[in-house]
Every structure is written in C-alpha cells, then in structure tokens.
C-alpha cells in the first residue's frame, strides 16, 4: 500500500468516542479514564498510542508489555522519516521511534500517560512524516482558516500570539476570527515572516500550526527548529481526516476534553453513515458528480470529493474518470450522475456581507453564470429530477464538513438518513462562532435546485 492508503488506515476510521471522559487535573494528579475503546486503527496519531485507539492511557502500556512478551502483535504502517525520503515501516507501539519495541517504550508511554511535561512526543503528520514536538504545546502562530478553526474547537484561541495576514490587520478572514484580533501579524501563511518572532520585545511562540508542505513553507522545520519553535502539521480538511487531526491536536496542546466533544458530534454523523452504507456495493451507490462550477472532475484534497465519499456516494473517479481534468457539458450528460454538487466561495467562513446580499450573490452565481453551474448541467437527468445541490465553502471543507456531509447523505439516501442538518449547523456556530447566529446563514450554506427556483419565483 502507498502512504496515502496507509494514512487512511491510520487516521480515517470512525468510532464513537467514549462518553465517560475524565481528564487530568491539578497538573497530573489524576490519570485519564476513558470508555471502552473499539477503534483498532487509530485516530490519535501519536507514537505511544500502542493499541491504536483514540487515547493515551494505561491500556497502551499494557499493550506494549504484551508485545514484548509475545502475547500480542504490533501493527505496522508505512510512513516517511523525512519529507521526500523513502518509505519505512513504523508502529505506534514504538513510542521513542528507535525502530524497536522494548522496555524503553514502556517507560516512555508511562510518562505520556502521566502527562509528563517537557517531553518529546513523536507523531504522524499530514504528509505521512514522523514528526516531533515538545509536550504540551502552548502558545502558537497560525496560518489558514482550518487551523484557526481547530484552535477554536479546542478552546485554545487565547494562545495565539501571531496570525497570518488573512486574519491579522483586517484580512479576508478577519471577520470570522475576531477571537484572534489581538494576535500580531506574521505575513503570508505561505512564507511567514519568521523574524517577527525574534524581534525585541516579542514573545516567541511554542509552535507554528501549519499544514501540508505542498501548500505551506516546506522548509519551515529547518528555519524554526534552530530558534526553538516546533512546527506541527496536521490535517484539518484533507481527505476526510479532520477528526483525527482535531483529536491529535487536542492531545498535543492538552485540550483533550474539547477535542473529544467535537469528535463525538462529528461521529454522530460520520459513523452513522459509515455503518449504514458499509454493506452497499458500489454498483448500488448513487453517482455524485461534484465540481466547483461543473467544468472539471474533482479529486481528493479539494474538499468536494471528500464530502461525497464521506456521505457514501460514488464519485466519477471511482468509475475511472481522470481526476482534475476538464469535462464539457455533453460529457457530464453522458456520465449521467444521479446527483450534482457545486461549491461557491461565499457564506460562512468565506466572503460574507449580510444574509440577503450574500444569498443574492450565491443564487445569481449558481443560476446566471453562463457556461458554468446550473447552465452547464441543465440537460442532465440529475437536473431534470431536481437533484442539484450547492454548498458554501465554509462547511464544504474543514472541521465543519460533517454538516455538509449530513446534508448530502440526506439527499442521496433519503430512506436511510434524516439528519437535522440545521440543528447540527446551529450547534457548530453556537459552540465555535457565538458572535453569529444560525439565521445569519439560513438558506445560504447549503441549498438545492428547488430553493433556487423558489428564490426567483
């Protein structure tokens, strides 16, 4: 298997998080006590999570002891020791990452269970690279909206010392992240101004919360390591693995309770869908053509494809279409999808003026853009049957994506699902963006062809 397949195995499995969480208090006087774990593929992607569940606890210590005694087998997966290097096999039971499982790992994990401070933690990052950081992580510099979102979810927004220019100084995302308004600007998220961290009078952050090296500075570790700043790269929108990203971040920054609370809500959608469709063969799953504006075959990493797969749908790529390639209207008609999905960069967490103005822009974009969107697919069966859906970018990708997944699952499997999508969205806004209300985005964040027709009628 290649690294992406291994990443999926290591990170995507959906389980219900135990409800009886008890977290550390008073600096580690009480050990964490979790419910029975049924996850054997691991969403807490730190080395030391030996039994591959969602937690670091005494069960991991006992599992390593069993491996050493020959009573259990370690699970191995492929990853990279360095970005661009060769694949290696590693196990989460090998906590100190010395390529052997022994008593040293037992001692290492015991320290992790005790939440020993200032110890090195090894983890599996967004690029399938074995990375490390100092536990627990404290103050942070952040770039990109899904990373800001992740810190809000963990209740750690007050730790942000530096924000990229999309949030600081009235940037494009500043209206969504007023919680970070006191953070200093650090320039572009692609190439931050690292010198600002060392400027006289400034406080150096403990870590930079970043993303994949393909989209962020690939040399960030080499720049920041010598000045004592950790770089943490986790998935908060890539490949349906936002839940593991949040769980892992929650552990690394000591905010596990908030991370598990988020995971339990997301699981109520994602696990429900997974369990319900797991026995449906591909030949019987609805084909969903998802594309930003209709003219190109979607692929993983752009958000639209992930939503379809999480909702249990079949994508054109599953049928052999080449991802990322252009397609004409006749081609979409010949594909004959059961449903068509579009995305528009407006609404929640994106361009937003007020409800009515934003609604007009979104509906006009969907219905009045020549050669794209509805005009591109009006000859298809999906259009004639009213099976065309539009999503706003804000819940199409990132930690809030389970809301969009629920909406799509309701549409493509009406006999299986009846998620209260509005309630899910309202709950997300109330928890993580209380400066807004659900009514601010009603009819904007997700809507169907019938809604568009009624709007103009």
Protein backbone atom coordinates (compact mmCIF):
# COMPACT_ATOMS: atom_id res chain seq x y z
CA UNK A 1 0.00 0.00 0.00
CA UNK A 2 1.13 3.55 -0.65
CA UNK A 3 1.47 6.21 2.01
CA UNK A 4 -1.95 7.75 1.36
CA UNK A 5 -3.66 4.39 1.77
CA UNK A 6 -1.75 3.85 4.99
CA UNK A 7 -2.71 7.31 6.15
CA UNK A 8 -6.33 6.44 5.53
CA UNK A 9 -5.98 3.22 7.52
CA UNK A 10 -4.21 5.00 10.33
CA UNK A 11 -6.47 8.01 10.51
CA UNK A 12 -9.88 7.73 8.89
CA UNK A 13 -11.73 5.02 10.86
CA UNK A 14 -14.79 6.45 12.53
CA UNK A 15 -15.80 5.32 16.02
CA UNK A 16 -17.93 6.67 18.82
CA UNK A 17 -15.79 8.37 21.44
CA UNK A 18 -16.37 7.16 24.98
CA UNK A 19 -18.74 9.38 26.90
CA UNK A 20 -17.15 8.99 30.33
CA UNK A 21 -14.01 11.07 29.80
CA UNK A 22 -12.10 12.21 32.87
CA UNK A 23 -9.14 14.46 32.07
CA UNK A 24 -6.06 15.36 34.03
CA UNK A 25 -6.47 17.95 36.73
CA UNK A 26 -4.06 19.70 39.08
CA UNK A 27 -1.02 19.08 36.93
CA UNK A 28 -1.41 15.34 36.51
CA UNK A 29 -2.67 14.08 39.86
CA UNK A 30 -5.48 12.13 38.24
CA UNK A 31 -4.92 9.75 35.34
CA UNK A 32 -7.32 9.86 32.39
CA UNK A 33 -10.10 7.29 32.46
CA UNK A 34 -11.86 6.58 29.19
CA UNK A 35 -14.65 4.34 28.00
CA UNK A 36 -14.13 1.02 26.29
CA UNK A 37 -12.21 1.52 23.07
CA UNK A 38 -13.39 -0.28 19.95
CA UNK A 39 -11.15 1.54 17.48
CA UNK A 40 -8.23 -0.57 16.27
CA UNK A 41 -6.93 1.69 13.51
CA UNK A 42 -6.16 4.82 15.46
CA UNK A 43 -7.18 8.45 15.18
CA UNK A 44 -4.80 9.73 17.83
CA UNK A 45 -1.75 9.59 15.62
CA UNK A 46 0.99 9.86 18.21
CA UNK A 47 3.65 7.25 18.73
CA UNK A 48 2.83 5.70 22.07
CA UNK A 49 -0.79 5.04 21.12
CA UNK A 50 0.23 1.37 21.05
CA UNK A 51 -3.23 -0.18 20.86
CA UNK A 52 -4.26 2.19 18.07
CA UNK A 53 -7.32 3.75 19.64
CA UNK A 54 -8.20 7.39 20.30
CA UNK A 55 -6.46 7.73 23.66
CA UNK A 56 -3.17 7.62 25.54
CA UNK A 57 -3.79 5.64 28.71
CA UNK A 58 -2.71 2.59 30.70
CA UNK A 59 -4.04 0.26 28.01
CA UNK A 60 -1.17 1.38 25.79
CA UNK A 61 1.37 0.47 28.46
CA UNK A 62 -0.16 -2.97 28.89
CA UNK A 63 -0.29 -3.48 25.13
CA UNK A 64 3.43 -2.83 24.73
CA UNK A 65 4.17 -5.20 27.60
CA UNK A 66 2.09 -7.83 25.79
CA UNK A 67 4.01 -7.23 22.55
CA UNK A 68 7.33 -7.66 24.36
CA UNK A 69 6.05 -10.87 25.99
CA UNK A 70 4.93 -12.25 22.63
CA UNK A 71 1.28 -12.17 23.63
CA UNK A 72 0.25 -9.50 21.11
CA UNK A 73 1.42 -8.27 17.73
CA UNK A 74 2.39 -4.72 16.87
CA UNK A 75 0.61 -3.03 13.99
CA UNK A 76 2.91 -1.51 11.38
CA UNK A 77 2.23 1.11 8.73
CA UNK A 78 4.33 2.92 6.16
CA UNK A 79 5.45 6.49 6.63
CA UNK A 80 8.38 8.78 5.93
CA UNK A 81 11.21 9.61 8.30
CA UNK A 82 11.73 12.80 6.33
CA UNK A 83 9.70 14.62 3.71
CA UNK A 84 10.63 13.39 0.25
CA UNK A 85 12.51 10.44 1.70
CA UNK A 86 11.88 6.74 1.36
CA UNK A 87 9.03 4.83 2.95
CA UNK A 88 9.70 2.99 6.21
CA UNK A 89 7.59 0.73 8.40
CA UNK A 90 6.76 2.02 11.84
CA UNK A 91 4.42 1.13 14.70
CA UNK A 92 2.71 3.43 17.16
CA UNK A 93 3.90 1.00 19.83
CA UNK A 94 7.43 2.27 19.15
CA UNK A 95 6.94 5.42 21.21
CA UNK A 96 10.51 6.67 21.04
CA UNK A 97 10.78 5.84 17.32
CA UNK A 98 14.07 3.94 17.61
CA UNK A 99 12.73 1.16 15.36
CA UNK A 100 12.34 -1.39 18.16
CA UNK A 101 9.66 -2.11 20.72
CA UNK A 102 11.11 -2.71 24.16
CA UNK A 103 11.08 -1.66 27.79
CA UNK A 104 12.21 1.83 26.85
CA UNK A 105 8.86 2.29 25.09
CA UNK A 106 7.02 1.12 28.20
CA UNK A 107 8.77 3.80 30.25
CA UNK A 108 8.17 6.40 27.55
CA UNK A 109 4.45 5.67 27.38
CA UNK A 110 4.15 5.65 31.17
CA UNK A 111 5.43 9.23 31.08
CA UNK A 112 2.88 10.02 28.38
CA UNK A 113 0.08 8.53 30.47
CA UNK A 114 1.22 10.67 33.40
CA UNK A 115 1.23 13.67 31.05
CA UNK A 116 4.83 14.43 31.91
CA UNK A 117 5.69 17.92 30.76
CA UNK A 118 8.58 18.98 28.53
CA UNK A 119 8.95 15.54 26.98
CA UNK A 120 9.31 14.89 23.27
CA UNK A 121 6.28 13.44 21.51
CA UNK A 122 6.56 11.79 18.11
CA UNK A 123 3.53 11.94 15.85
CA UNK A 124 2.37 11.09 12.33
CA UNK A 125 1.78 14.33 10.43
CA UNK A 126 -0.35 15.40 7.48
CA UNK A 127 2.34 14.41 4.98
CA UNK A 128 2.79 10.91 6.47
CA UNK A 129 6.08 12.07 8.03
CA UNK A 130 7.25 11.10 11.51
CA UNK A 131 7.50 14.47 13.26
CA UNK A 132 8.08 15.52 16.84
CA UNK A 133 7.29 18.32 19.25
CA UNK A 134 7.55 19.19 22.94
CA UNK A 135 4.56 18.29 25.12
CA UNK A 136 2.41 20.12 25.99
CA UNK A 137 2.39 22.77 23.29
CA UNK A 138 1.49 26.25 24.49
CA UNK A 139 1.50 29.50 22.54
CA UNK A 140 1.07 29.37 18.79
CA UNK A 141 1.40 31.14 15.45
CA UNK A 142 -1.32 30.18 12.94
CA UNK A 143 -1.88 30.33 9.20
CA UNK A 144 -5.01 29.28 7.25
CA UNK A 145 -8.62 29.19 8.33
CA UNK A 146 -8.94 25.48 9.15
CA UNK A 147 -6.05 25.85 11.60
CA UNK A 148 -7.74 28.80 13.30
CA UNK A 149 -10.90 26.72 13.36
CA UNK A 150 -9.10 23.80 15.03
CA UNK A 151 -7.78 26.01 17.84
CA UNK A 152 -11.28 27.44 18.40
CA UNK A 153 -12.66 23.91 18.65
CA UNK A 154 -10.02 23.05 21.24
CA UNK A 155 -10.84 26.20 23.20
CA UNK A 156 -7.27 27.43 22.88
CA UNK A 157 -7.69 30.58 20.81
CA UNK A 158 -6.19 32.72 23.59
CA UNK A 159 -2.82 31.04 22.99
CA UNK A 160 -2.46 32.57 19.52
CA UNK A 161 0.33 35.14 19.52
CA UNK A 162 0.70 35.50 15.75
CA UNK A 163 -1.77 35.28 12.87
CA UNK A 164 -1.26 35.30 9.12
CA UNK A 165 -2.25 38.34 7.07
CA UNK A 166 -5.58 36.75 6.14
CA UNK A 167 -6.67 37.23 9.75
CA UNK A 168 -4.46 39.99 11.15
CA UNK A 169 -4.77 43.61 10.05
CA UNK A 170 -8.31 43.23 8.69
CA UNK A 171 -7.50 40.41 6.28
CA UNK A 172 -10.01 38.39 4.24
CA UNK A 173 -10.89 36.05 7.13
CA UNK A 174 -10.72 38.57 9.95
CA UNK A 175 -14.49 38.81 10.39
CA UNK A 176 -14.64 35.12 11.25
CA UNK A 177 -11.76 35.14 13.68
CA UNK A 178 -12.22 38.11 15.97
CA UNK A 179 -11.01 35.81 18.76
CA UNK A 180 -7.53 36.27 17.25
CA UNK A 181 -7.77 40.04 16.83
CA UNK A 182 -5.00 40.70 19.35
CA UNK A 183 -2.51 38.47 17.55
CA UNK A 184 0.39 40.12 15.77
CA UNK A 185 0.65 39.80 12.01
CA UNK A 186 3.28 37.39 10.70
CA UNK A 187 2.84 37.93 6.97
CA UNK A 188 1.78 35.36 4.40
CA UNK A 189 0.77 31.87 5.52
CA UNK A 190 2.80 30.55 2.60
CA UNK A 191 6.05 32.22 3.68
CA UNK A 192 5.71 33.70 7.16
CA UNK A 193 7.92 36.49 8.43
CA UNK A 194 9.88 34.39 10.92
CA UNK A 195 11.96 37.36 12.03
CA UNK A 196 8.92 38.82 13.77
CA UNK A 197 9.18 36.03 16.36
CA UNK A 198 12.67 37.15 17.34
CA UNK A 199 12.03 40.88 17.31
CA UNK A 200 12.96 42.63 20.54
CA UNK A 201 10.02 42.74 22.92
CA UNK A 202 8.09 39.98 21.15
CA UNK A 203 7.28 36.61 22.70
CA UNK A 204 8.40 33.57 20.75
CA UNK A 205 5.56 31.07 20.12
CA UNK A 206 5.97 27.46 21.22
CA UNK A 207 4.83 26.20 17.85
CA UNK A 208 3.50 27.07 14.42
CA UNK A 209 0.30 25.27 13.46
CA UNK A 210 0.69 24.57 9.78
CA UNK A 211 -0.44 22.26 7.01
CA UNK A 212 0.99 20.14 4.24
CA UNK A 213 4.40 21.08 2.89
CA UNK A 214 2.94 21.30 -0.60
CA UNK A 215 0.91 24.37 0.40
CA UNK A 216 2.94 25.84 3.26
CA UNK A 217 6.64 26.54 3.56
CA UNK A 218 8.30 23.14 3.13
CA UNK A 219 11.43 24.39 4.91
CA UNK A 220 9.63 25.63 7.99
CA UNK A 221 11.15 22.99 10.26
CA UNK A 222 14.70 23.86 9.20
CA UNK A 223 14.03 27.55 9.82
CA UNK A 224 12.17 27.27 13.12
CA UNK A 225 13.95 24.33 14.75
CA UNK A 226 17.19 26.21 15.47
CA UNK A 227 15.26 29.02 17.19
CA UNK A 228 13.30 26.61 19.38
CA UNK A 229 9.90 26.71 17.67
CA UNK A 230 8.10 23.44 16.92
CA UNK A 231 6.20 23.03 13.66
CA UNK A 232 3.00 20.99 13.86
CA UNK A 233 1.42 19.90 10.58
CA UNK A 234 -1.96 18.23 11.00
CA UNK A 235 -4.91 17.54 8.69
CA UNK A 236 -7.91 19.76 9.28
CA UNK A 237 -9.55 19.45 5.88
CA UNK A 238 -7.59 16.88 3.86
CA UNK A 239 -9.05 13.52 2.85
CA UNK A 240 -11.86 13.22 5.43
CA UNK A 241 -9.39 13.11 8.31
CA UNK A 242 -10.34 16.24 10.21
CA UNK A 243 -11.50 14.28 13.27
CA UNK A 244 -8.09 12.62 13.78
CA UNK A 245 -6.45 15.99 13.23
CA UNK A 246 -8.53 17.57 16.00
CA UNK A 247 -8.04 14.62 18.37
CA UNK A 248 -4.27 14.69 17.85
CA UNK A 249 -4.07 18.46 18.26
CA UNK A 250 -6.19 18.20 21.41
CA UNK A 251 -3.70 15.78 22.90
CA UNK A 252 -0.61 17.77 21.90
CA UNK A 253 -1.90 21.02 23.41
CA UNK A 254 -3.56 19.43 26.45
CA UNK A 255 -7.14 20.17 25.39
CA UNK A 256 -8.42 16.63 25.05
CA UNK A 257 -11.86 17.19 26.54
CA UNK A 258 -12.79 19.79 23.92
CA UNK A 259 -11.36 17.67 21.11
CA UNK A 260 -13.36 14.61 22.14
CA UNK A 261 -16.51 16.69 22.46
CA UNK A 262 -16.07 17.78 18.84
CA UNK A 263 -15.30 14.21 17.76
CA UNK A 264 -18.45 12.82 19.36
CA UNK A 265 -20.60 15.27 17.40
CA UNK A 266 -18.82 14.60 14.11
CA UNK A 267 -19.01 10.85 14.77
CA UNK A 268 -22.77 11.08 15.23
CA UNK A 269 -22.89 11.88 11.52
CA UNK A 270 -19.86 10.14 10.06
CA UNK A 271 -20.12 6.86 11.94
CA UNK A 272 -23.87 6.67 11.35
CA UNK A 273 -23.29 6.96 7.61
CA UNK A 274 -20.36 4.57 7.59
CA UNK A 275 -22.30 1.89 9.45
CA UNK A 276 -25.39 2.29 7.28
CA UNK A 277 -23.68 2.10 3.87
CA UNK A 278 -20.81 -0.29 4.55
CA UNK A 279 -22.65 -3.26 3.01
CA UNK A 280 -23.98 -1.37 -0.03
CA UNK A 281 -21.94 -2.42 -3.09
CA UNK A 282 -20.51 0.30 -5.30
CA UNK A 283 -22.83 -0.71 -8.13
CA UNK A 284 -25.81 0.29 -5.99
CA UNK A 285 -24.47 3.56 -4.64
CA UNK A 286 -25.64 6.85 -6.17
CA UNK A 287 -23.19 8.53 -8.53
CA UNK A 288 -22.48 12.10 -7.41
CA UNK A 289 -20.72 14.49 -9.77
CA UNK A 290 -19.12 17.09 -7.51
CA UNK A 291 -17.24 20.02 -9.01
CA UNK A 292 -16.69 23.63 -8.01
CA UNK A 293 -18.51 25.01 -11.06
CA UNK A 294 -19.21 21.90 -13.13
CA UNK A 295 -16.36 22.09 -15.62
CA UNK A 296 -13.74 19.87 -14.00
CA UNK A 297 -13.61 16.37 -12.47
CA UNK A 298 -12.96 16.76 -8.77
CA UNK A 299 -10.20 14.95 -6.94
CA UNK A 300 -9.08 14.39 -3.38
CA UNK A 301 -7.61 17.37 -1.49
CA UNK A 302 -10.11 19.88 -2.91
CA UNK A 303 -12.92 19.17 -0.47
CA UNK A 304 -15.76 18.37 -2.85
CA UNK A 305 -14.64 14.80 -3.45
CA UNK A 306 -14.20 14.14 0.26
CA UNK A 307 -17.78 15.13 1.06
CA UNK A 308 -19.16 12.68 -1.50
CA UNK A 309 -17.14 9.75 -0.19
CA UNK A 310 -17.96 10.55 3.44
CA UNK A 311 -21.67 10.69 2.54
CA UNK A 312 -21.43 7.22 0.98
CA UNK A 313 -21.68 8.30 -2.63
CA UNK A 314 -19.83 7.12 -5.71
CA UNK A 315 -17.55 9.64 -7.43
CA UNK A 316 -16.61 9.85 -11.14
CA UNK A 317 -13.07 8.91 -10.13
CA UNK A 318 -14.47 5.65 -8.75
CA UNK A 319 -15.75 4.93 -12.26
CA UNK A 320 -12.39 5.58 -13.88
CA UNK A 321 -12.64 9.26 -14.81
CA UNK A 322 -9.32 11.07 -14.59
CA UNK A 323 -9.29 13.39 -11.54
CA UNK A 324 -8.61 17.06 -12.08
CA UNK A 325 -9.37 17.03 -15.81
CA UNK A 326 -11.79 19.30 -17.65
CA UNK A 327 -15.09 17.99 -18.95
CA UNK A 328 -17.74 19.51 -21.21
CA UNK A 329 -21.49 19.60 -20.70
CA UNK A 330 -22.04 16.67 -23.07
CA UNK A 331 -19.55 14.68 -21.05
CA UNK A 332 -21.46 15.31 -17.81
CA UNK A 333 -24.69 14.34 -19.54
CA UNK A 334 -23.11 11.13 -20.81
CA UNK A 335 -21.80 10.39 -17.31
CA UNK A 336 -25.43 10.54 -16.19
CA UNK A 337 -24.87 11.22 -12.47
CA UNK A 338 -27.69 10.72 -10.02
CA UNK A 339 -26.76 13.94 -8.20
CA UNK A 340 -24.68 17.01 -9.00
CA UNK A 341 -22.92 19.13 -6.36
CA UNK A 342 -21.39 22.61 -6.70
CA UNK A 343 -19.43 24.83 -4.34
CA UNK A 344 -19.42 28.63 -4.15
CA UNK A 345 -16.89 30.76 -2.27
CA UNK A 346 -19.47 32.73 -0.33
CA UNK A 347 -21.21 32.48 3.04
CA UNK A 348 -19.99 31.05 6.33
CA UNK A 349 -16.20 31.36 6.79
CA UNK A 350 -15.90 32.90 3.33
CA UNK A 351 -16.94 36.13 1.59
CA UNK A 352 -19.95 37.45 3.50
CA UNK A 353 -21.61 40.86 3.64
CA UNK A 354 -25.02 40.18 5.18
CA UNK A 355 -27.59 37.44 4.71
CA UNK A 356 -29.63 38.91 1.85
CA UNK A 357 -26.69 40.31 -0.10
CA UNK A 358 -24.75 37.06 0.19
CA UNK A 359 -27.78 34.99 -0.76
CA UNK A 360 -28.28 37.04 -3.93
CA UNK A 361 -24.64 36.63 -4.93
CA UNK A 362 -24.73 32.86 -4.35
CA UNK A 363 -28.03 32.26 -6.11
CA UNK A 364 -27.08 34.52 -9.02
CA UNK A 365 -23.75 32.74 -9.33
CA UNK A 366 -25.42 29.35 -9.38
CA UNK A 367 -28.15 30.21 -11.85
CA UNK A 368 -26.89 33.07 -14.02
CA UNK A 369 -23.26 32.19 -14.76
CA UNK A 370 -23.04 31.36 -18.43
CA UNK A 371 -21.42 28.03 -19.22
CA UNK A 372 -20.98 27.04 -15.58
CA UNK A 373 -23.00 25.81 -12.61
CA UNK A 374 -26.69 25.22 -13.47
CA UNK A 375 -26.24 26.44 -17.05
CA UNK A 376 -23.63 23.73 -17.53
CA UNK A 377 -25.80 20.82 -16.37
CA UNK A 378 -29.35 21.79 -17.32
CA UNK A 379 -29.50 18.98 -19.90
CA UNK A 380 -28.72 16.24 -17.39
CA UNK A 381 -31.12 13.79 -15.77
CA UNK A 382 -30.00 14.96 -12.33
CA UNK A 383 -31.11 18.49 -13.20
CA UNK A 384 -34.48 17.38 -14.56
CA UNK A 385 -35.08 15.42 -11.37
CA UNK A 386 -34.07 18.35 -9.18
CA UNK A 387 -31.00 16.58 -7.80
CA UNK A 388 -28.60 19.51 -7.89
CA UNK A 389 -27.10 20.84 -4.65
CA UNK A 390 -24.96 23.87 -3.85
CA UNK A 391 -22.73 24.24 -0.78
CA UNK A 392 -20.94 27.23 0.63
CA UNK A 393 -17.20 26.82 1.06
CA UNK A 394 -17.25 27.24 4.83
CA UNK A 395 -18.70 23.85 5.67
CA UNK A 396 -17.56 22.15 2.50
CA UNK A 397 -14.05 21.64 3.79
CA UNK A 398 -12.52 21.59 7.22
CA UNK A 399 -13.78 20.73 10.71
CA UNK A 400 -17.39 21.77 9.98
CA UNK A 401 -17.61 19.49 6.94
CA UNK A 402 -19.70 16.89 8.77
CA UNK A 403 -22.59 19.36 8.45
CA UNK A 404 -22.35 19.28 4.65
CA UNK A 405 -21.85 15.51 4.71
CA UNK A 406 -25.11 15.16 6.65
CA UNK A 407 -26.97 17.35 4.14
CA UNK A 408 -25.68 15.34 1.18
CA UNK A 409 -26.37 12.00 2.87
CA UNK A 410 -29.99 13.06 3.47
CA UNK A 411 -30.31 13.88 -0.23
CA UNK A 412 -28.70 10.80 -1.77
CA UNK A 413 -30.05 8.28 0.76
CA UNK A 414 -33.46 9.66 1.79
CA UNK A 415 -34.59 6.24 3.01
CA UNK A 416 -31.57 5.85 5.28
CA UNK A 417 -30.90 9.26 6.78
CA UNK A 418 -32.82 12.16 8.25
CA UNK A 419 -30.14 14.24 9.94
CA UNK A 420 -31.28 17.52 11.45
CA UNK A 421 -28.71 19.48 9.48
CA UNK A 422 -29.90 22.89 10.64
CA UNK A 423 -29.51 21.78 14.27
CA UNK A 424 -26.02 20.48 13.58
CA UNK A 425 -25.02 23.74 11.93
CA UNK A 426 -26.64 25.86 14.65
CA UNK A 427 -24.79 23.86 17.30
CA UNK A 428 -21.46 24.36 15.50
CA UNK A 429 -22.00 28.10 15.25
CA UNK A 430 -23.09 28.38 18.88
CA UNK A 431 -20.03 26.47 20.12
CA UNK A 432 -17.30 27.90 17.93
CA UNK A 433 -18.64 31.14 16.40
CA UNK A 434 -21.05 32.55 19.00
CA UNK A 435 -20.75 36.04 17.53
CA UNK A 436 -23.05 34.77 14.74
CA UNK A 437 -26.44 33.03 14.66
CA UNK A 438 -27.77 30.22 12.51
CA UNK A 439 -30.27 32.65 10.97
CA UNK A 440 -27.38 34.63 9.52
CA UNK A 441 -26.74 31.74 7.11
CA UNK A 442 -30.17 30.16 6.65
CA UNK A 443 -30.68 29.18 3.03
CA UNK A 444 -27.10 30.13 2.18
CA UNK A 445 -24.73 27.46 3.38
CA UNK A 446 -26.48 24.58 1.64
CA UNK A 447 -29.40 24.64 -0.77
CA UNK A 448 -30.90 22.73 -3.66
CA UNK A 449 -32.25 23.43 -7.12
CA UNK A 450 -35.76 23.80 -5.74
CA UNK A 451 -34.57 26.51 -3.36
CA UNK A 452 -33.06 28.42 -6.26
CA UNK A 453 -36.26 28.17 -8.30
CA UNK A 454 -38.36 29.33 -5.35
CA UNK A 455 -35.99 32.24 -4.74
CA UNK A 456 -36.54 33.63 -8.23
CA UNK A 457 -40.24 32.80 -8.27
